[in-house]
Structure formats: structure tokens, C-alpha cells
Protein backbone atom coordinates (compact mmCIF):
# COMPACT_ATOMS: atom_id res chain seq x y z
CA MET A 1 0.00 0.00 0.00
CA SER A 2 1.48 3.35 -1.06
CA ILE A 3 0.90 6.59 0.82
CA GLU A 4 -0.73 8.03 -2.32
CA GLU A 5 -3.27 5.19 -2.34
CA LEU A 6 -4.00 5.65 1.36
CA ARG A 7 -4.40 9.42 1.05
CA ALA A 8 -6.71 9.04 -1.93
CA PHE A 9 -8.92 6.56 -0.07
CA LEU A 10 -9.02 8.68 3.11
CA ALA A 11 -9.99 11.76 1.09
CA VAL A 12 -12.86 9.89 -0.59
CA ALA A 13 -13.98 8.56 2.81
CA GLU A 14 -13.92 12.06 4.29
CA HIS A 15 -15.73 13.83 1.43
CA GLN A 16 -17.95 10.87 0.43
CA SER A 17 -17.37 11.86 -3.19
CA PHE A 18 -14.66 11.20 -5.76
CA VAL A 19 -15.16 14.65 -7.27
CA ALA A 20 -14.82 16.50 -3.95
CA ALA A 21 -11.86 14.34 -2.87
CA ALA A 22 -10.01 14.96 -6.14
CA THR A 23 -10.57 18.70 -5.76
CA ALA A 24 -9.34 18.64 -2.15
CA LEU A 25 -6.17 16.76 -3.11
CA GLY A 26 -5.62 18.77 -6.27
CA ILE A 27 -5.36 15.73 -8.56
CA ALA A 28 -7.33 14.43 -11.53
CA ARG A 29 -10.40 12.31 -10.79
CA THR A 30 -9.03 9.49 -12.94
CA SER A 31 -5.79 9.42 -10.91
CA LEU A 32 -7.78 9.36 -7.69
CA ARG A 33 -9.93 6.45 -8.88
CA ARG A 34 -6.81 4.58 -9.99
CA HIS A 35 -5.27 4.91 -6.51
CA VAL A 36 -8.45 3.73 -4.78
CA ASP A 37 -8.92 0.82 -7.21
CA ALA A 38 -5.30 -0.23 -6.64
CA LEU A 39 -5.80 -0.15 -2.86
CA GLU A 40 -8.95 -2.29 -3.10
CA ALA A 41 -7.05 -4.73 -5.30
CA ARG A 42 -4.28 -4.98 -2.67
CA THR A 43 -6.70 -5.61 0.18
CA GLY A 44 -8.82 -8.05 -1.82
CA VAL A 45 -12.08 -6.68 -0.38
CA PRO A 46 -14.36 -3.77 -1.34
CA LEU A 47 -13.66 -0.65 0.70
CA LEU A 48 -16.36 1.58 -0.81
CA GLU A 49 -19.87 1.11 -2.14
CA ARG A 50 -20.43 3.47 -5.05
CA GLY A 51 -23.86 4.89 -5.81
CA ARG A 52 -25.61 7.89 -7.36
CA ALA A 53 -25.76 9.61 -3.97
CA GLY A 54 -22.01 9.23 -3.47
CA VAL A 55 -19.87 6.61 -1.77
CA VAL A 56 -20.42 4.68 1.46
CA LEU A 57 -17.75 2.87 3.44
CA THR A 58 -17.94 -0.89 3.83
CA GLU A 59 -17.04 -2.50 7.16
CA ALA A 60 -13.52 -3.10 5.83
CA GLY A 61 -13.37 0.51 4.68
CA ARG A 62 -14.36 1.82 8.11
CA HIS A 63 -11.62 -0.29 9.70
CA LEU A 64 -9.04 1.07 7.28
CA VAL A 65 -10.13 4.66 7.96
CA GLU A 66 -9.69 4.16 11.72
CA ARG A 67 -6.14 2.82 11.36
CA GLY A 68 -5.20 4.66 8.19
CA ARG A 69 -5.54 8.18 9.61
CA GLY A 70 -2.93 7.39 12.23
CA LEU A 71 -0.61 5.90 9.62
CA GLU A 72 -0.96 8.98 7.41
CA ARG A 73 -0.27 11.30 10.35
CA GLU A 74 2.86 9.37 11.35
CA PHE A 75 4.15 9.26 7.78
CA THR A 76 3.67 13.02 7.37
CA ALA A 77 5.38 13.63 10.72
CA LEU A 78 8.30 11.43 9.71
CA LEU A 79 8.82 13.29 6.43
CA SER A 80 8.73 16.62 8.26
CA SER A 81 11.25 15.37 10.81
CA VAL A 82 13.63 14.17 8.09
CA ARG A 83 13.43 17.51 6.25
CA GLU A 84 14.28 19.42 9.43
CA ALA A 85 17.08 17.14 10.65
CA GLY A 86 20.18 19.16 11.44
CA ALA A 87 18.42 22.49 10.96
CA SER A 88 17.96 25.24 13.51
CA PRO A 89 14.58 25.35 15.31
CA THR A 90 12.43 27.43 12.98
CA GLY A 91 8.99 27.23 11.47
CA LEU A 92 5.38 26.93 12.56
CA VAL A 93 4.41 24.81 15.57
CA LYS A 94 0.71 23.84 15.68
CA VAL A 95 -0.48 23.27 19.24
CA LEU A 96 -3.79 22.03 20.66
CA LEU A 97 -4.41 23.02 24.29
CA PRO A 98 -7.17 22.30 26.79
CA VAL A 99 -9.72 25.02 27.40
CA GLY A 100 -9.17 26.33 30.90
CA LEU A 101 -5.43 26.94 30.96
CA PRO A 102 -4.98 30.37 32.54
CA HIS A 103 -4.11 32.78 29.74
CA ARG A 104 -1.24 34.28 31.72
CA VAL A 105 0.34 30.80 31.94
CA VAL A 106 0.07 30.32 28.17
CA ALA A 107 1.41 33.84 27.56
CA GLY A 108 4.38 33.14 29.85
CA ILE A 109 5.31 30.06 27.83
CA VAL A 110 4.85 31.91 24.52
CA GLY A 111 7.01 34.79 25.75
CA MET A 112 9.81 32.47 26.78
CA ALA A 113 9.68 30.58 23.48
CA ARG A 114 9.80 33.78 21.43
CA THR A 115 12.79 35.05 23.42
CA VAL A 116 14.82 31.83 23.24
CA TRP A 117 13.74 30.60 19.78
CA PRO A 118 12.81 33.70 17.72
CA GLY A 119 12.72 31.73 14.47
CA MET A 120 9.74 29.71 15.65
CA ARG A 121 6.09 30.70 15.27
CA GLY A 122 3.01 29.21 16.89
CA HIS A 123 -0.61 28.52 16.05
CA LEU A 124 -2.69 27.69 19.13
CA ARG A 125 -6.12 26.02 19.17
CA PHE A 126 -8.19 25.14 22.22
CA SER A 127 -10.53 22.24 22.86
CA ASP A 128 -12.78 21.11 25.70
CA ALA A 129 -11.62 17.54 25.01
CA PRO A 130 -8.18 17.59 23.34
CA LEU A 131 -7.78 13.79 23.31
CA SER A 132 -11.05 13.41 21.40
CA ALA A 133 -10.30 16.15 18.86
CA PRO A 134 -8.85 15.44 15.38
CA LEU A 135 -5.10 15.15 15.89
CA ASN A 136 -4.01 15.18 12.24
CA ASP A 137 -1.60 17.94 11.21
CA LEU A 138 -0.70 18.64 14.85
CA ASP A 139 2.75 19.15 16.38
CA LEU A 140 2.09 19.43 20.11
CA LEU A 141 -0.86 18.33 22.24
CA LEU A 142 -1.55 19.42 25.83
CA TRP A 143 -4.27 17.97 28.06
CA PHE A 144 -5.24 17.40 31.68
CA GLY A 145 -5.16 13.88 33.11
CA LEU A 146 -3.30 10.59 32.75
CA ASP A 147 -5.02 9.26 29.61
CA THR A 148 -2.92 9.14 26.45
CA PRO A 149 -3.78 10.03 22.84
CA ALA A 150 -4.45 7.31 20.30
CA GLY A 151 -1.49 6.45 18.13
CA THR A 152 2.24 6.71 18.77
CA TRP A 153 3.11 9.82 20.78
CA GLN A 154 6.01 10.86 22.98
CA CYS A 155 4.36 11.99 26.23
CA HIS A 156 5.70 14.00 29.17
CA THR A 157 4.26 15.56 32.31
CA LEU A 158 4.56 19.31 31.96
CA MET A 159 3.40 20.18 35.48
CA ARG A 160 1.37 18.93 38.41
CA THR A 161 -1.10 21.08 40.28
CA PRO A 162 -3.66 20.21 42.98
CA LEU A 163 -7.40 20.71 42.73
CA ARG A 164 -8.56 22.66 45.78
CA LEU A 165 -11.66 24.38 47.11
CA ILE A 166 -10.97 28.11 47.51
CA ALA A 167 -12.73 31.26 48.65
CA THR A 168 -11.83 34.81 49.63
CA PRO A 169 -11.55 35.81 53.30
CA SER A 170 -14.28 38.40 52.74
CA TYR A 171 -16.70 35.75 51.44
CA LEU A 172 -16.02 33.47 54.39
CA ALA A 173 -16.44 36.35 56.84
CA ALA A 174 -19.86 37.13 55.36
CA HIS A 175 -21.13 33.56 54.83
CA GLY A 176 -19.21 31.43 57.30
CA THR A 177 -16.42 28.92 56.82
CA PRO A 178 -17.50 25.32 56.10
CA ARG A 179 -16.14 22.95 58.74
CA THR A 180 -17.47 19.70 57.30
CA LEU A 181 -18.43 18.41 53.86
CA ASP A 182 -22.09 18.62 54.88
CA ASP A 183 -21.66 22.38 55.46
CA LEU A 184 -21.08 22.86 51.71
CA ALA A 185 -24.80 22.49 51.13
CA GLY A 186 -25.23 26.05 52.38
CA HIS A 187 -22.89 27.58 49.78
CA ASP A 188 -22.84 28.14 46.02
CA LEU A 189 -20.14 25.97 44.43
CA TYR A 190 -18.33 26.75 41.16
CA LEU A 191 -16.59 23.64 39.82
CA TRP A 192 -13.76 23.09 37.35
CA THR A 193 -14.59 19.91 35.47
CA ALA A 194 -14.02 18.38 32.07
CA SER A 195 -17.61 17.11 31.97
CA ALA A 196 -20.87 19.06 32.15
CA THR A 197 -22.43 16.22 34.16
CA ASP A 198 -19.58 15.72 36.65
CA HIS A 199 -20.69 17.57 39.79
CA ALA A 200 -18.35 16.13 42.42
CA LEU A 201 -15.42 17.08 44.60
CA VAL A 202 -12.61 14.61 45.32
CA THR A 203 -11.43 13.86 48.84
CA ARG A 204 -7.82 13.29 49.81
CA ARG A 205 -8.71 9.61 50.22
CA GLY A 206 -9.68 9.51 46.56
CA SER A 207 -13.44 9.18 47.03
CA ARG A 208 -15.95 11.39 45.25
CA HIS A 209 -18.26 13.76 47.09
CA PRO A 210 -21.26 14.67 44.86
CA VAL A 211 -22.48 18.26 45.20
CA GLN A 212 -25.14 20.51 43.69
CA ALA A 213 -23.02 22.98 41.71
CA ALA A 214 -24.15 26.49 40.90
CA MET A 215 -21.98 26.28 37.78
CA THR A 216 -19.41 24.02 36.16
CA ALA A 217 -16.83 25.25 33.64
CA THR A 218 -13.55 24.33 31.98
CA ASP A 219 -12.31 27.93 32.15
CA VAL A 220 -10.08 28.28 35.22
CA ASP A 221 -9.87 32.08 35.04
CA LEU A 222 -13.68 32.38 35.01
CA LEU A 223 -13.99 30.23 38.12
CA TYR A 224 -11.33 32.25 39.94
CA ASP A 225 -13.20 35.43 39.03
CA CYS A 226 -16.39 33.96 40.50
CA ALA A 227 -14.55 33.30 43.76
CA TYR A 228 -12.91 36.75 43.79
CA ARG A 229 -16.34 38.34 43.27
CA ASP A 230 -17.52 36.56 46.44
CA LEU A 231 -20.10 34.50 44.53
CA GLY A 232 -19.20 31.33 46.41
CA LEU A 233 -16.57 28.59 46.71
CA ALA A 234 -14.55 27.51 43.65
CA TRP A 235 -13.11 24.03 43.00
CA VAL A 236 -10.13 24.83 40.79
CA PRO A 237 -6.57 23.82 39.86
CA ASP A 238 -4.54 25.82 42.38
CA ALA A 239 -0.95 26.35 41.25
CA GLY A 240 -0.34 29.05 43.85
CA LEU A 241 -0.02 31.76 41.19
CA PRO A 242 -0.51 35.38 42.27
CA ASP A 243 -3.67 37.06 41.10
CA PRO A 244 -2.76 39.31 38.13
CA ALA A 245 -5.31 41.92 39.25
CA GLY A 246 -3.74 42.18 42.69
CA ARG A 247 -6.89 41.10 44.55
CA GLU A 248 -6.78 39.71 48.08
CA PRO A 249 -5.22 36.23 48.26
CA HIS A 250 -7.67 33.37 48.38
CA VAL A 251 -7.64 30.70 51.06
CA THR A 252 -8.27 26.98 50.79
CA VAL A 253 -11.36 25.49 52.42
CA LEU A 254 -11.57 22.02 53.99
CA ASP A 255 -7.97 21.46 52.97
CA ASP A 256 -7.65 18.45 55.28
CA GLU A 257 -10.64 16.79 53.61
CA LEU A 258 -10.54 17.85 49.95
CA GLY A 259 -7.79 17.84 47.35
CA ALA A 260 -6.84 15.91 44.24
CA PRO A 261 -3.74 15.91 42.01
CA LEU A 262 -4.10 17.10 38.43
CA GLU A 263 -1.48 16.63 35.71
CA LEU A 264 -0.97 18.81 32.65
CA ARG A 265 0.67 16.62 30.02
CA ILE A 266 2.35 17.41 26.70
CA ALA A 267 2.94 15.11 23.74
CA ALA A 268 4.32 15.16 20.21
CA PRO A 269 3.89 12.57 17.45
CA ALA A 270 6.75 10.11 17.99
CA ALA A 271 7.91 10.40 14.38
CA LEU A 272 8.12 14.19 14.70
CA ALA A 273 9.55 14.47 18.23
CA GLY A 274 13.14 14.49 16.93
CA SER A 275 12.67 17.52 14.67
CA PRO A 276 14.55 20.63 15.85
CA ARG A 277 11.44 22.74 16.41
CA LEU A 278 9.90 20.14 18.75
CA ARG A 279 13.08 18.74 20.24
CA VAL A 280 13.82 22.13 21.82
CA PHE A 281 10.42 22.04 23.54
CA LEU A 282 10.62 18.45 24.75
CA SER A 283 14.21 18.79 25.99
CA ASN A 284 13.58 22.06 27.83
CA LEU A 285 10.48 21.21 29.82
CA GLU A 286 11.97 22.61 33.03
CA ALA A 287 12.46 26.02 31.39
CA ILE A 288 8.87 25.87 30.15
CA ARG A 289 7.63 24.99 33.64
CA THR A 290 9.54 27.97 35.04
CA ALA A 291 8.09 30.31 32.42
CA ALA A 292 4.59 29.09 33.23
CA ARG A 293 5.05 29.87 36.93
CA GLU A 294 6.80 33.24 36.55
CA VAL A 295 3.69 35.18 35.55
């Protein structure tokens, strides 16, 4: 199976049309059909059912799409890595990040990268669920948690931060400080969570404590603002960063009872990890961690 045959088939599967796929790839329709026919001949089974309404994948075709996209991504990454071997770190780095990273943390990393590697440029996209997003044509992936992306990736832990329940001293003075988990029922709770249906805190023993949340969100800065406006208690990743607006420091609530570790992880396609523009990132994670904290 050649990469041209695989790309032709994947394009037809994506666009469900030979005409649209040929246009997207910039090749003649006859060439596209020849590549797909050759691939079907190699596999020995039909991959597409052709009809007046377009094309439909067979069961074998669906299986090839699932595995083939990863193969195409790794092949493209390998070619890019070979082209860049021995070169200085320059060029565009395409990054997918989780929604909710404090913007000042991202800006600190960008500022450090621009200072140390001025020949590099970045394109950042954000997703509520980075591991479930399309990962084709991507150089770096960041996400919260211990799960790993599908395919072959080189993964590292960028930083660890605890999840904590916080409030301002002024809010606690006005509404009282919860002394037990049951006391939380008398307060509005603003929860950081990756799921709209996950309304639970995590105890230091690892058990879940369901709560009735006033709001859940993936945006950490929004939840901090809710706490600083004395709207209630916020369950947030707490890296101990100073508030950029200079507001009164927050305090942790029920710190002996509640708290859970949260990892921010970073990964690059294994075939691309050796390229100069990504190798400088993956080999300088401590400098990146420092830049993220010095904001």
C-alpha cells in the first residue's frame, strides 16, 4: 500500500465523493480512482460502495479509515522530521491546548519561546476535550489527566497542580467557613470539570463527594473570578499563582478533607519528536515549567 493510495482513499472517505476528494487533493479524478482501485485490489475486499448519492464505506473501509488516519499522520510527521534534521529550530508549531489553561500561563510560555527561539512561530487552538479532537496535522498536544492520545506519541508531564476548594476571606467572613463536607450544602459551588455532568469534589482519600453545583466550567480564570467576586466557593486547579489583578489572596477550604492531584501533560507525534522545532520544547520542559510559573 502506497501513501498516495492511502491518502486518496481517506480523502474519498472524508468527502464521500470522488469529485470532492479529487478537488481537495488537487489531482485528476481518474488518478484518484486509480489509486483507490489499486488499494482495493491490494486488500482483496471492497472498501467503498459506489452509488448515485455518493460513496459509502464498507465494514472493511471503516476499519481502514480508523487505522489509516494514524498511519498517514505518522508518515507526514516522519517526512517533516527528516526535512528538518540538522536544521535550527524554525517554522510553525501547531499546538492544541485544553480550554481552561490560565491565559497568563500560556502567555508566559509563549514569551519564553519567542525570546529563546525567535525563528519559531506558533498557532494555538483550544478544545474542551483535546484527546477526542482530530489530531491530524498537529505538532504538540496538551491535556489534563493521565489518559494518552491514540497512536504513537512521545508523552511527558509538563506540570502537576492540585485541585482545591478556595474562597476569599471576605466571602467566608460574610457567609461562614464550612467545617465539614455537609456544610457545603449552604454555599454556592463553582466547579472546574471536564464534563458538564460531573458535579463532584474529590477527597484526599480519593473518594468522590457529589455536590449541587451552581456552575461548572472548563475555564479556570472564570472560576477564579467567581470566587474573587464573592459568589461562592470555587473548586479549581490551584498552582499558587498570584492574582494578576492584585486582589486579596484566596484561602483553601476544607484542605484536610478535599484535594486531588491534576497533571498537565504534553505530547508530540513520535515520528516528529526528533525535529529541531519540537526537540527544543521536549528537551527544555523545566524552562517551560519555570516560564509558566513566573507570571
